[in-house]
Amino acid sequence: MQNNKLILGTLLLNLFIAFLGIGLVIPVTPTIMNELNISGSTVGYMVSAFAFAQLVLSPLAGRAVDKYGRKPMIIIGLFIFSMSELLFGLGQSVEVLFASRILGGVSAAFIMPAVTAFIADITTNETRPKALGYMSAAISTGFIIGPGIGGFLADIGTRMPFFFAAAFGLTAMILSIFTLREPERHYEQTTTPQQKTGFRKVFSPLYFIAFMVLLISSFGLASFESLFALFVDRKFGFTAKDIALAISLGAIVGVIVQVGLFERLTRWFGEIRLIRYSLIGSTLLVLVMTYVTSYLAIILVTMVVFVGFDLMRPAVTTYLSKIAGNEQGFVGGMNSMFTSIGNILGPIIGGILFDVDLNYPFYFATVMLAIGIALTFVWREQQPADLTAEEKTS
């Protein structure tokens, strides 16, 4: 047990370092845009290139995680991440920056399913929600701290955050090589026997509704999150500091909730009801965002919205991990794939709607999240009859 805690700590540290590296580059991206005369639409395409690469590779990476092991995929992913950041730091043309973002998406496709599967291997159904809550907290904390460090490093040089991100990635890779050991795979029997093989398993009742909830909610969330900064800038006149404050407060509270309450909430409500309640709260507040006017109200609504998102995501991951059995890599890959689809399409549709009316992306997000809520009710009704008592209370 003590050894598993050490391994979990290493995995969380790796995730923290990787997402710290991603957060480092956020403050200097506008400066790089100006240096190379890159338009905002080009930056949008680069973001989509990252998500598209992750989308294409996630199913293959998920299978590779099951076939070749968790540790090798984590190491490969961290190495590719490091190279992608180094390439972005050295890049002097749009083509090189696109190649960097594509490599970044490839690295994410390898890292996330492998880490999720690794955590599932070293935890039980009872301890997994807490561990996955810690995983989400490690990611959120990296995003919180990264931009602040990146802003400090930018005073030394605009490319310096990218070089530090590359160094952090290599550090995490070396740490993984020497401290991680491929876990044994033993799972509690909690689901029905396998009904389909290959990609067709996505359409199994066991997985399909969960993946559809993930896809539709990611679609709505990406539409909201990608346009949030532009929305509050145009509608409320928020400065960069105001935007950072709103997002940081939400992320900090989200981390506290993930670490301190997520395990208890999944135990009290079960994953499906927690997902439902998180979506209901977030949907209502995304709509409220289009009506509030005072600075304090905007900050509070934003903070609670992001907390809802931070509860919903690990709850979906926990549920999928619980029912996956010996297919943790496959499920982790599908998780990344459907999230990536939402991350590609949500910002594109949200951006088009924003040009028509700045409130429209939020109305669109509200509708998509409401569809996700409706699916959670169908999801409960279609649970297999022979799930364990713990799952039936979900």
Protein backbone atom coordinates (compact mmCIF):
# COMPACT_ATOMS: atom_id res chain seq x y z
CA MET A 1 0.00 0.00 0.00
CA GLN A 2 2.83 2.38 0.89
CA ASN A 3 4.50 1.55 -2.43
CA ASN A 4 1.28 2.31 -4.29
CA LYS A 5 1.09 5.69 -2.58
CA LEU A 6 4.64 6.45 -3.74
CA ILE A 7 3.77 5.39 -7.30
CA LEU A 8 0.58 7.49 -7.22
CA GLY A 9 2.61 10.44 -5.98
CA THR A 10 5.04 10.01 -8.88
CA LEU A 11 2.19 9.82 -11.40
CA LEU A 12 0.58 12.94 -9.98
CA LEU A 13 3.92 14.76 -9.96
CA ASN A 14 4.42 13.82 -13.62
CA LEU A 15 0.98 15.17 -14.53
CA PHE A 16 1.61 18.31 -12.53
CA ILE A 17 4.94 18.90 -14.31
CA ALA A 18 3.43 18.25 -17.75
CA PHE A 19 0.50 20.62 -17.23
CA LEU A 20 2.73 23.15 -15.50
CA GLY A 21 4.70 23.11 -18.75
CA ILE A 22 1.53 23.71 -20.76
CA GLY A 23 0.51 26.57 -18.45
CA LEU A 24 3.96 28.17 -18.65
CA VAL A 25 3.51 29.17 -22.28
CA ILE A 26 0.07 30.82 -21.94
CA PRO A 27 1.28 34.37 -21.06
CA VAL A 28 3.74 34.59 -23.97
CA THR A 29 1.53 33.21 -26.74
CA PRO A 30 0.25 36.70 -27.74
CA THR A 31 3.86 37.94 -27.92
CA ILE A 32 4.83 35.05 -30.20
CA MET A 33 1.79 35.87 -32.34
CA ASN A 34 3.01 39.44 -32.74
CA GLU A 35 6.59 38.38 -33.45
CA LEU A 36 5.54 36.15 -36.33
CA ASN A 37 2.51 38.24 -37.43
CA ILE A 38 0.11 35.36 -36.75
CA SER A 39 -3.62 36.06 -36.85
CA GLY A 40 -6.09 34.98 -34.20
CA SER A 41 -7.70 32.51 -36.59
CA THR A 42 -4.32 30.87 -37.15
CA VAL A 43 -3.93 30.44 -33.40
CA GLY A 44 -7.39 28.87 -33.35
CA TYR A 45 -6.32 26.41 -36.04
CA MET A 46 -3.21 25.55 -34.02
CA VAL A 47 -5.38 24.78 -30.99
CA SER A 48 -7.54 22.57 -33.21
CA ALA A 49 -4.42 20.88 -34.60
CA PHE A 50 -3.48 19.84 -31.06
CA ALA A 51 -6.97 18.48 -30.38
CA PHE A 52 -7.20 16.80 -33.80
CA ALA A 53 -3.90 14.97 -33.31
CA GLN A 54 -5.08 13.84 -29.88
CA LEU A 55 -8.39 12.73 -31.41
CA VAL A 56 -6.76 10.63 -34.15
CA LEU A 57 -4.13 9.02 -31.91
CA SER A 58 -6.18 8.43 -28.74
CA PRO A 59 -7.86 5.14 -29.81
CA LEU A 60 -4.54 3.73 -31.04
CA ALA A 61 -2.69 4.98 -27.97
CA GLY A 62 -5.34 3.47 -25.70
CA ARG A 63 -4.87 0.06 -27.30
CA ALA A 64 -1.09 0.45 -27.08
CA VAL A 65 -1.43 1.16 -23.36
CA ASP A 66 -3.23 -2.17 -22.90
CA LYS A 67 -0.91 -4.09 -25.22
CA TYR A 68 2.55 -2.71 -24.42
CA GLY A 69 2.09 -1.39 -20.90
CA ARG A 70 1.43 1.82 -18.99
CA LYS A 71 4.98 2.87 -18.19
CA PRO A 72 6.37 2.79 -21.77
CA MET A 73 3.50 4.94 -23.05
CA ILE A 74 3.95 7.49 -20.25
CA ILE A 75 7.67 7.76 -21.02
CA ILE A 76 7.07 8.09 -24.78
CA GLY A 77 4.36 10.69 -24.20
CA LEU A 78 6.53 12.80 -21.91
CA PHE A 79 9.44 12.67 -24.38
CA ILE A 80 7.19 13.80 -27.25
CA PHE A 81 5.75 16.55 -25.04
CA SER A 82 9.26 17.79 -24.26
CA MET A 83 10.22 17.81 -27.94
CA SER A 84 7.03 19.65 -28.90
CA GLU A 85 7.74 22.46 -26.41
CA LEU A 86 11.36 22.71 -27.52
CA LEU A 87 10.25 22.90 -31.15
CA PHE A 88 7.79 25.69 -30.36
CA GLY A 89 10.51 27.61 -28.53
CA LEU A 90 12.87 27.32 -31.50
CA GLY A 91 10.23 27.78 -34.20
CA GLN A 92 10.47 30.82 -36.46
CA SER A 93 7.70 29.91 -38.89
CA VAL A 94 4.02 29.04 -38.72
CA GLU A 95 4.70 25.58 -40.15
CA VAL A 96 7.08 24.72 -37.31
CA LEU A 97 4.59 25.94 -34.71
CA PHE A 98 1.87 23.77 -36.26
CA ALA A 99 4.21 20.77 -36.15
CA SER A 100 4.87 21.54 -32.48
CA ARG A 101 1.16 21.63 -31.63
CA ILE A 102 0.51 18.38 -33.50
CA LEU A 103 3.29 16.72 -31.49
CA GLY A 104 1.72 18.15 -28.35
CA GLY A 105 -1.58 16.47 -29.22
CA VAL A 106 0.22 13.18 -29.84
CA SER A 107 1.88 13.42 -26.42
CA ALA A 108 -1.47 14.04 -24.72
CA ALA A 109 -2.95 11.02 -26.52
CA PHE A 110 -0.25 8.81 -24.99
CA ILE A 111 -0.02 10.32 -21.50
CA MET A 112 -3.65 10.60 -20.38
CA PRO A 113 -4.91 7.04 -21.09
CA ALA A 114 -1.69 5.58 -19.67
CA VAL A 115 -1.87 7.56 -16.42
CA THR A 116 -5.60 6.86 -15.98
CA ALA A 117 -5.05 3.13 -16.59
CA PHE A 118 -2.04 3.11 -14.24
CA ILE A 119 -4.12 4.65 -11.46
CA ALA A 120 -6.89 2.11 -12.07
CA ASP A 121 -4.30 -0.70 -11.76
CA ILE A 122 -3.05 0.40 -8.35
CA THR A 123 -6.43 1.30 -6.80
CA THR A 124 -9.68 -0.46 -5.92
CA ASN A 125 -13.24 0.62 -6.71
CA GLU A 126 -13.33 2.21 -3.24
CA THR A 127 -10.06 4.16 -3.46
CA ARG A 128 -10.18 5.05 -7.18
CA PRO A 129 -12.46 8.12 -6.93
CA LYS A 130 -10.07 9.75 -4.46
CA ALA A 131 -7.05 8.95 -6.65
CA LEU A 132 -8.73 10.28 -9.80
CA GLY A 133 -9.79 13.38 -7.87
CA TYR A 134 -6.13 13.88 -7.00
CA MET A 135 -5.28 13.42 -10.69
CA SER A 136 -7.66 16.21 -11.71
CA ALA A 137 -6.30 18.39 -8.91
CA ALA A 138 -2.71 17.84 -10.12
CA ILE A 139 -3.73 18.94 -13.62
CA SER A 140 -5.62 22.00 -12.32
CA THR A 141 -2.75 23.03 -10.03
CA GLY A 142 -0.31 22.87 -12.94
CA PHE A 143 -2.57 25.17 -14.92
CA ILE A 144 -2.87 27.58 -11.97
CA ILE A 145 0.85 27.90 -11.23
CA GLY A 146 2.11 27.63 -14.82
CA PRO A 147 1.00 31.02 -16.17
CA GLY A 148 2.47 32.87 -13.18
CA ILE A 149 5.87 31.23 -13.61
CA GLY A 150 5.61 31.70 -17.36
CA GLY A 151 5.05 35.44 -16.92
CA PHE A 152 8.16 35.67 -14.74
CA LEU A 153 10.27 33.69 -17.24
CA ALA A 154 9.02 35.88 -20.09
CA ASP A 155 10.93 38.80 -18.53
CA ILE A 156 14.11 36.86 -19.33
CA GLY A 157 13.04 36.04 -22.88
CA THR A 158 9.79 35.35 -24.73
CA ARG A 159 10.96 31.84 -25.68
CA MET A 160 12.25 30.94 -22.22
CA PRO A 161 8.93 29.44 -20.94
CA PHE A 162 8.97 26.93 -23.81
CA PHE A 163 12.51 25.82 -22.98
CA PHE A 164 11.58 25.42 -19.31
CA ALA A 165 8.48 23.45 -20.31
CA ALA A 166 10.71 21.13 -22.37
CA ALA A 167 13.05 20.72 -19.40
CA PHE A 168 10.12 19.94 -17.08
CA GLY A 169 8.90 17.29 -19.53
CA LEU A 170 12.33 15.63 -19.63
CA THR A 171 12.50 15.76 -15.83
CA ALA A 172 9.14 13.99 -15.57
CA MET A 173 10.29 11.39 -18.13
CA ILE A 174 13.50 10.61 -16.22
CA LEU A 175 11.53 10.46 -12.97
CA SER A 176 9.16 7.94 -14.57
CA ILE A 177 11.99 5.76 -15.86
CA PHE A 178 13.55 5.33 -12.45
CA THR A 179 10.55 5.38 -10.10
CA LEU A 180 7.65 3.71 -11.93
CA ARG A 181 7.25 -0.03 -12.24
CA GLU A 182 4.72 -1.60 -14.61
CA PRO A 183 1.70 -2.44 -12.43
CA GLU A 184 -0.07 -5.77 -12.14
CA ARG A 185 -3.50 -5.80 -13.70
CA HIS A 186 -6.20 -7.25 -11.50
CA TYR A 187 -9.76 -6.01 -11.54
CA GLU A 188 -12.86 -6.60 -9.54
CA GLN A 189 -15.70 -8.16 -11.53
CA THR A 190 -18.29 -5.39 -11.64
CA THR A 191 -19.76 -5.50 -15.11
CA THR A 192 -21.36 -7.73 -17.63
CA PRO A 193 -19.25 -10.01 -19.84
CA GLN A 194 -17.73 -8.41 -22.93
CA GLN A 195 -20.38 -8.07 -25.62
CA LYS A 196 -18.41 -6.60 -28.51
CA THR A 197 -14.83 -6.44 -29.69
CA GLY A 198 -12.73 -3.65 -31.14
CA PHE A 199 -14.15 -0.19 -31.80
CA ARG A 200 -17.69 -1.64 -31.79
CA LYS A 201 -17.45 -1.76 -28.00
CA VAL A 202 -18.06 1.99 -28.06
CA PHE A 203 -21.66 1.21 -29.08
CA SER A 204 -22.18 -1.28 -26.25
CA PRO A 205 -24.89 -0.10 -23.80
CA LEU A 206 -22.24 -0.37 -21.11
CA TYR A 207 -20.14 2.40 -22.68
CA PHE A 208 -22.23 4.22 -25.27
CA ILE A 209 -24.31 6.54 -23.08
CA ALA A 210 -21.28 7.41 -20.92
CA PHE A 211 -19.28 8.36 -24.03
CA MET A 212 -22.20 10.39 -25.43
CA VAL A 213 -22.51 12.32 -22.16
CA LEU A 214 -18.77 12.96 -22.32
CA LEU A 215 -18.91 14.09 -25.96
CA ILE A 216 -21.90 16.40 -25.62
CA SER A 217 -20.76 17.94 -22.34
CA SER A 218 -17.22 18.46 -23.74
CA PHE A 219 -18.84 20.10 -26.78
CA GLY A 220 -20.69 22.56 -24.56
CA LEU A 221 -17.84 23.13 -22.11
CA ALA A 222 -15.33 23.81 -24.88
CA SER A 223 -17.69 26.34 -26.44
CA PHE A 224 -17.95 28.13 -23.07
CA GLU A 225 -14.31 27.91 -21.99
CA SER A 226 -12.74 28.86 -25.32
CA LEU A 227 -14.81 32.06 -25.60
CA PHE A 228 -14.90 33.00 -21.90
CA ALA A 229 -11.94 35.41 -21.96
CA LEU A 230 -13.16 37.15 -25.11
CA PHE A 231 -16.72 37.29 -23.75
CA VAL A 232 -15.85 39.03 -20.46
CA ASP A 233 -13.40 41.31 -22.27
CA ARG A 234 -15.97 42.50 -24.81
CA LYS A 235 -19.06 42.53 -22.58
CA PHE A 236 -17.66 43.61 -19.20
CA GLY A 237 -14.32 45.19 -20.08
CA PHE A 238 -12.29 42.71 -18.05
CA THR A 239 -8.54 43.19 -18.10
CA ALA A 240 -6.07 40.31 -18.39
CA LYS A 241 -5.67 40.51 -14.60
CA ASP A 242 -9.44 40.27 -14.06
CA ILE A 243 -9.68 37.24 -16.35
CA ALA A 244 -6.74 35.57 -14.60
CA LEU A 245 -8.36 36.25 -11.21
CA ALA A 246 -11.69 34.71 -12.24
CA ILE A 247 -10.11 31.58 -13.73
CA SER A 248 -7.55 31.18 -10.94
CA LEU A 249 -10.16 31.47 -8.18
CA GLY A 250 -12.32 28.88 -9.91
CA ALA A 251 -9.33 26.57 -10.37
CA ILE A 252 -8.17 26.95 -6.76
CA VAL A 253 -11.63 26.22 -5.36
CA GLY A 254 -11.91 23.35 -7.85
CA VAL A 255 -8.67 21.82 -6.56
CA ILE A 256 -9.87 22.11 -2.95
CA VAL A 257 -13.19 20.43 -3.84
CA GLN A 258 -11.46 17.68 -5.86
CA VAL A 259 -9.03 16.83 -3.07
CA GLY A 260 -11.32 17.34 -0.09
CA LEU A 261 -14.83 16.47 -1.27
CA PHE A 262 -14.77 14.48 -4.52
CA GLU A 263 -14.38 11.06 -2.87
CA ARG A 264 -17.18 11.80 -0.40
CA LEU A 265 -19.48 13.15 -3.10
CA THR A 266 -19.03 10.04 -5.26
CA ARG A 267 -19.73 7.89 -2.22
CA TRP A 268 -22.85 9.87 -1.31
CA PHE A 269 -24.35 10.30 -4.77
CA GLY A 270 -22.54 7.82 -7.03
CA GLU A 271 -20.80 8.94 -10.21
CA ILE A 272 -23.87 9.27 -12.43
CA ARG A 273 -25.86 11.46 -10.06
CA LEU A 274 -22.77 13.57 -9.30
CA ILE A 275 -22.30 14.10 -13.05
CA ARG A 276 -25.97 15.01 -13.36
CA TYR A 277 -25.93 17.50 -10.48
CA SER A 278 -22.65 19.07 -11.68
CA LEU A 279 -24.08 19.50 -15.18
CA ILE A 280 -27.32 21.00 -13.84
CA GLY A 281 -25.44 23.55 -11.74
CA SER A 282 -23.02 24.43 -14.54
CA THR A 283 -25.80 24.70 -17.15
CA LEU A 284 -27.83 27.13 -15.05
CA LEU A 285 -24.80 29.28 -14.25
CA VAL A 286 -23.57 29.40 -17.86
CA LEU A 287 -26.98 30.85 -18.72
CA VAL A 288 -26.88 33.22 -15.73
CA MET A 289 -23.53 34.51 -17.03
CA THR A 290 -25.38 36.24 -19.88
CA TYR A 291 -27.53 38.23 -17.41
CA VAL A 292 -25.23 39.26 -14.53
CA THR A 293 -23.69 42.71 -14.61
CA SER A 294 -21.78 43.40 -11.37
CA TYR A 295 -18.08 42.56 -11.11
CA LEU A 296 -18.50 40.48 -7.93
CA ALA A 297 -21.39 38.50 -9.41
CA ILE A 298 -19.39 37.70 -12.54
CA ILE A 299 -16.42 36.49 -10.47
CA LEU A 300 -18.63 34.33 -8.21
CA VAL A 301 -20.62 32.80 -11.08
CA THR A 302 -17.42 32.04 -13.02
CA MET A 303 -15.83 30.45 -9.97
CA VAL A 304 -18.78 28.12 -9.31
CA VAL A 305 -19.14 27.21 -13.01
CA PHE A 306 -15.55 25.99 -13.16
CA VAL A 307 -16.00 24.03 -9.92
CA GLY A 308 -18.92 22.20 -11.56
CA PHE A 309 -16.73 21.36 -14.54
CA ASP A 310 -13.96 20.16 -12.21
CA LEU A 311 -16.36 17.73 -10.52
CA MET A 312 -17.99 16.42 -13.68
CA ARG A 313 -14.79 15.45 -15.51
CA PRO A 314 -13.22 13.19 -12.86
CA ALA A 315 -16.66 11.69 -12.12
CA VAL A 316 -16.94 10.53 -15.75
CA THR A 317 -13.39 9.17 -15.64
CA THR A 318 -14.08 7.35 -12.37
CA TYR A 319 -17.24 5.73 -13.73
CA LEU A 320 -15.55 4.60 -16.95
CA SER A 321 -12.56 3.25 -15.04
CA LYS A 322 -14.86 1.29 -12.73
CA ILE A 323 -16.66 -0.50 -15.57
CA ALA A 324 -13.62 -0.93 -17.83
CA GLY A 325 -12.17 -4.05 -16.17
CA ASN A 326 -9.10 -5.14 -18.14
CA GLU A 327 -9.71 -2.53 -20.86
CA GLN A 328 -8.48 0.53 -18.98
CA GLY A 329 -6.30 1.69 -21.88
CA PHE A 330 -9.13 1.33 -24.40
CA VAL A 331 -11.54 3.29 -22.21
CA GLY A 332 -8.91 5.94 -21.46
CA GLY A 333 -8.25 6.32 -25.18
CA MET A 334 -11.96 6.65 -25.97
CA ASN A 335 -12.27 9.17 -23.13
CA SER A 336 -9.55 11.30 -24.75
CA MET A 337 -11.02 10.81 -28.23
CA PHE A 338 -14.55 11.98 -27.40
CA THR A 339 -13.19 14.87 -25.32
CA SER A 340 -11.01 15.89 -28.28
CA ILE A 341 -13.99 15.87 -30.66
CA GLY A 342 -15.79 18.26 -28.33
CA ASN A 343 -12.65 20.39 -28.00
CA ILE A 344 -12.39 20.68 -31.79
CA LEU A 345 -16.02 21.37 -32.68
CA GLY A 346 -17.06 23.41 -29.62
CA PRO A 347 -14.66 26.35 -30.16
CA ILE A 348 -15.32 26.42 -33.92
CA ILE A 349 -19.12 26.64 -33.54
CA GLY A 350 -18.77 28.94 -30.52
CA GLY A 351 -16.50 31.28 -32.49
CA ILE A 352 -18.95 31.46 -35.40
CA LEU A 353 -21.82 32.22 -33.02
CA PHE A 354 -19.74 34.82 -31.16
CA ASP A 355 -19.32 36.81 -34.38
CA VAL A 356 -23.13 36.96 -34.63
CA ASP A 357 -23.82 37.79 -30.98
CA LEU A 358 -21.43 37.47 -28.05
CA ASN A 359 -24.14 35.78 -25.93
CA TYR A 360 -24.85 33.05 -28.47
CA PRO A 361 -21.92 30.72 -27.55
CA PHE A 362 -23.26 30.64 -23.98
CA TYR A 363 -26.79 29.87 -25.15
CA PHE A 364 -25.34 27.12 -27.34
CA ALA A 365 -23.33 25.74 -24.39
CA THR A 366 -26.49 25.81 -22.26
CA VAL A 367 -28.41 23.75 -24.83
CA MET A 368 -25.61 21.19 -25.25
CA LEU A 369 -25.15 20.79 -21.49
CA ALA A 370 -28.94 20.41 -21.08
CA ILE A 371 -28.85 17.53 -23.58
CA GLY A 372 -26.06 16.02 -21.46
CA ILE A 373 -28.31 16.29 -18.39
CA ALA A 374 -31.14 14.51 -20.21
CA LEU A 375 -28.77 11.70 -21.17
CA THR A 376 -27.82 11.12 -17.53
CA PHE A 377 -31.42 10.12 -16.80
CA VAL A 378 -31.43 7.62 -19.67
CA TRP A 379 -27.99 6.46 -18.55
CA ARG A 380 -29.29 5.46 -15.13
CA GLU A 381 -32.19 3.52 -16.61
CA GLN A 382 -29.94 1.52 -18.93
CA GLN A 383 -27.39 0.35 -16.34
CA PRO A 384 -26.84 -3.42 -16.51
CA ALA A 385 -28.86 -5.35 -13.95
CA ASP A 386 -25.90 -7.26 -12.61
CA LEU A 387 -23.73 -4.37 -11.54
CA THR A 388 -22.58 -4.42 -7.97
CA ALA A 389 -24.66 -2.88 -5.22
CA GLU A 390 -22.27 0.04 -5.08
CA GLU A 391 -22.84 0.85 -8.74
CA LYS A 392 -26.61 0.41 -8.43
CA THR A 393 -26.71 3.23 -5.90
CA SER A 394 -25.20 5.54 -8.55
